[in-house]
Protein backbone atom coordinates (compact mmCIF):
# COMPACT_ATOMS: atom_id res chain seq x y z
CA MET A 1 -34.53 36.64 -20.79
CA LEU A 2 -31.90 37.69 -18.25
CA LYS A 3 -33.49 35.37 -15.65
CA ILE A 4 -33.34 32.42 -18.08
CA MET A 5 -29.65 33.13 -18.84
CA ARG A 6 -28.86 33.30 -15.11
CA ASN A 7 -30.69 30.00 -14.50
CA LEU A 8 -28.85 28.35 -17.40
CA THR A 9 -25.52 29.62 -16.04
CA LEU A 10 -26.34 28.26 -12.56
CA LEU A 11 -27.45 24.96 -14.07
CA THR A 12 -24.20 24.72 -16.06
CA ILE A 13 -22.10 25.45 -12.96
CA LEU A 14 -24.02 22.88 -10.93
CA THR A 15 -23.60 20.30 -13.68
CA ILE A 16 -19.84 20.92 -13.78
CA LEU A 17 -19.56 20.64 -9.98
CA VAL A 18 -21.60 17.43 -9.83
CA THR A 19 -19.62 15.90 -12.70
CA ALA A 20 -16.29 16.87 -11.12
CA GLY A 21 -17.41 15.47 -7.78
CA GLY A 22 -18.57 12.23 -9.39
CA GLY A 23 -15.19 11.81 -11.08
CA CYS A 24 -13.41 12.16 -7.77
CA SER A 25 -15.68 9.63 -6.12
CA ASN A 26 -15.05 7.17 -8.96
CA ASN A 27 -11.30 7.55 -8.51
CA LYS A 28 -11.71 7.12 -4.78
CA SER A 29 -13.86 4.00 -5.16
CA SER A 30 -11.39 2.61 -7.71
CA GLY A 31 -8.56 3.25 -5.23
CA ASN A 32 -10.57 1.55 -2.47
CA ARG A 33 -11.23 -1.43 -4.73
CA LEU A 34 -7.52 -1.74 -5.54
CA LYS A 35 -6.65 -1.41 -1.85
CA GLU A 36 -9.13 -4.17 -0.98
CA GLN A 37 -7.65 -6.41 -3.68
CA ALA A 38 -4.10 -5.72 -2.46
CA VAL A 39 -5.04 -6.47 1.16
CA ALA A 40 -6.80 -9.69 0.09
CA SER A 41 -3.69 -10.79 -1.85
CA ALA A 42 -1.43 -9.94 1.08
CA ARG A 43 -3.72 -11.86 3.41
CA GLU A 44 -3.55 -14.92 1.13
CA HIS A 45 0.26 -14.65 1.01
CA ILE A 46 0.51 -14.58 4.81
CA LEU A 47 -1.98 -17.45 5.10
CA GLU A 48 0.30 -19.50 2.82
CA ILE A 49 3.32 -18.68 4.97
CA THR A 50 1.50 -19.59 8.18
CA ARG A 51 -0.19 -22.64 6.65
CA ASN A 52 -3.65 -21.17 7.23
CA GLY A 53 -3.16 -19.37 10.52
CA ASP A 54 -6.04 -17.96 12.55
CA VAL A 55 -7.41 -14.68 11.17
CA THR A 56 -8.95 -11.90 13.24
CA VAL A 57 -9.98 -8.39 12.21
CA ASP A 58 -10.34 -5.65 14.82
CA LYS A 59 -12.79 -2.76 14.73
CA GLU A 60 -10.24 -0.54 12.91
CA GLY A 61 -9.92 -3.17 10.18
CA ILE A 62 -6.42 -4.32 11.14
CA ILE A 63 -5.98 -7.96 10.16
CA THR A 64 -4.03 -10.27 12.47
CA ILE A 65 -2.98 -13.70 11.27
CA THR A 66 -1.60 -15.93 14.01
CA ALA A 67 0.19 -19.24 13.74
CA GLY A 68 1.65 -20.57 16.97
CA ARG A 69 3.73 -17.85 18.62
CA ILE A 70 3.99 -15.67 15.50
CA SER A 71 1.45 -13.05 14.44
CA TYR A 72 1.38 -10.93 11.30
CA LEU A 73 -0.45 -7.60 11.13
CA ILE A 74 -1.83 -5.99 7.98
CA ASP A 75 -3.18 -2.46 8.38
CA PRO A 76 -5.31 -1.63 5.32
CA SER A 77 -5.08 2.11 6.07
CA ALA A 78 -1.29 1.94 5.54
CA VAL A 79 -1.54 0.49 2.02
CA LEU A 80 -0.18 2.77 -0.72
CA ILE A 81 -1.84 2.78 -4.14
CA GLU A 82 0.56 4.22 -6.73
CA GLU A 83 1.91 3.62 -10.24
CA ILE A 84 4.98 1.51 -9.55
CA ASN A 85 5.92 -0.54 -12.60
CA GLU A 86 6.18 0.44 -16.26
CA ASP A 87 2.47 0.20 -17.12
CA PRO A 88 -0.02 3.00 -16.35
CA LEU A 89 -2.06 0.89 -13.90
CA LYS A 90 -2.09 1.67 -10.19
CA ASP A 91 -0.23 -0.88 -8.08
CA ALA A 92 0.09 -1.30 -4.30
CA ILE A 93 2.55 -1.52 -1.45
CA VAL A 94 1.23 -3.43 1.57
CA PRO A 95 3.20 -3.16 4.83
CA VAL A 96 3.15 -6.32 6.97
CA THR A 97 4.62 -6.56 10.46
CA GLY A 98 5.44 -9.87 12.12
CA PHE A 99 5.61 -10.36 15.89
CA ASP A 100 6.51 -13.18 18.23
CA ASP A 101 6.40 -13.33 22.03
CA GLY A 102 9.55 -11.20 22.22
CA GLY A 103 8.36 -8.32 20.05
CA MET A 104 8.82 -7.31 16.41
CA LEU A 105 10.19 -10.14 14.33
CA ALA A 106 9.95 -8.91 10.76
CA LYS A 107 8.80 -5.93 8.77
CA LYS A 108 7.94 -6.57 5.14
CA HIS A 109 6.55 -4.48 2.33
CA LEU A 110 4.71 -6.51 -0.27
CA ILE A 111 4.86 -4.99 -3.73
CA MET A 112 1.62 -5.88 -5.50
CA ILE A 113 1.37 -5.36 -9.25
CA ASN A 114 -2.00 -4.74 -10.90
CA SER A 115 -2.45 -7.36 -13.60
CA ASP A 116 -5.78 -7.90 -15.34
CA ASN A 117 -7.62 -6.27 -12.40
CA ALA A 118 -5.93 -8.54 -9.86
CA MET A 119 -3.19 -7.56 -7.43
CA LEU A 120 -0.37 -10.08 -7.73
CA LEU A 121 2.57 -10.30 -5.32
CA ASP A 122 5.73 -9.38 -7.22
CA THR A 123 8.40 -8.57 -4.65
CA VAL A 124 8.83 -8.64 -0.87
CA LEU A 125 11.07 -5.92 0.57
CA THR A 126 12.34 -7.06 3.96
CA ASP A 127 14.97 -4.46 4.79
CA VAL A 128 12.65 -1.43 4.69
CA VAL A 129 11.66 0.45 7.85
CA ARG A 130 9.01 2.48 6.04
CA ILE A 131 8.05 3.72 2.60
CA LEU A 132 8.40 7.50 2.39
CA LYS A 133 6.77 8.07 -0.99
CA VAL A 134 6.37 6.87 -4.55
CA GLU A 135 7.14 9.46 -7.20
CA ASP A 136 7.45 8.95 -10.96
CA GLY A 137 7.58 5.18 -10.43
CA VAL A 138 10.42 5.42 -7.89
CA ILE A 139 9.85 4.04 -4.39
CA TYR A 140 11.70 6.02 -1.71
CA ALA A 141 12.20 4.12 1.53
CA GLU A 142 14.02 4.25 4.82
CA LEU A 143 16.40 1.35 5.45
CA SER A 144 17.74 0.62 8.92
CA LYS A 145 21.50 0.39 9.36
CA VAL A 146 20.96 -1.76 12.46
CA SER A 147 19.06 -5.01 12.95
CA MET A 148 15.42 -5.12 14.01
CA ASP A 149 16.30 -6.42 17.47
CA SER A 150 18.48 -3.39 18.17
CA PRO A 151 17.00 -0.70 20.43
CA TYR A 152 18.13 1.81 17.79
CA TYR A 153 16.12 0.22 14.97
CA GLY A 154 14.40 2.98 13.03
CA CYS A 155 16.07 5.89 14.87
CA ALA A 156 16.88 8.96 12.76
CA GLU A 157 20.65 8.37 12.89
CA CYS A 158 20.27 4.67 12.06
CA VAL A 159 18.39 4.94 8.77
CA GLU A 160 19.40 5.68 5.24
CA ILE A 161 17.24 6.56 2.25
CA ALA A 162 17.11 4.07 -0.61
CA SER A 163 15.17 4.09 -3.84
CA TYR A 164 13.76 1.31 -5.99
CA ARG A 165 12.45 1.26 -9.56
CA PHE A 166 11.03 -1.36 -11.89
CA ARG A 167 13.28 -2.03 -14.86
CA GLU A 168 12.31 -4.58 -17.46
CA GLY A 169 9.67 -6.05 -15.17
CA LYS A 170 11.89 -6.41 -12.11
CA LEU A 171 12.17 -4.23 -9.00
CA GLU A 172 15.75 -3.07 -8.52
CA LYS A 173 17.46 -0.92 -5.93
CA ILE A 174 18.84 2.24 -7.52
CA GLU A 175 22.48 2.75 -6.56
C-alpha cells in the first residue's frame, strides 16, 4: 500500500510538472506567433513606404528592405510583446532602423495593436532612441536631446526618459 501511495504521489508530481511546462510552452508559442504577426505587419508597412523595395533576410532573421539608397532593418529578436493599450491582449513594439549611404537616417518604433488576432499599426514613434520597458501599460523610452546626425546621438548625457500611455484609444506622451 505504501508503494502504491508513493507511485501515486510521484505520478501526481509528474503530471503537475508536465502541465506547468505545457502552459509555459503555450504562452511562448503564443508570444512567438504574435511576434511573427507584428514583424509581418511591420514588413508590409515598410514595403508600402518603399513602394515594394527588395527584401532580404539574413541567417539571424534580420529583415532588410532596400529601395534605392535607403535600407530599413527589422530585427525580430528586438520586438517587444506586451500589454500596451486598454484591452487585455498582448500588443507589440517593433523597432525599425533606416539607413542611407551616409549612415543612420531614421529610427522608428512601430506600435502594433492586437485586434482580432491581427497586429495592426497604430502609431509610429520617431523620436525614440530605444524602448526601456513596458510596465502597467506605460511605455518607458529614451529620447535623444540631439539630432540623429549628431555624434552625441544616444549618449547618456543626451537622452531623457519619456513615457507613453494609451488613453481613449490613442497613444499619448505623459507629461
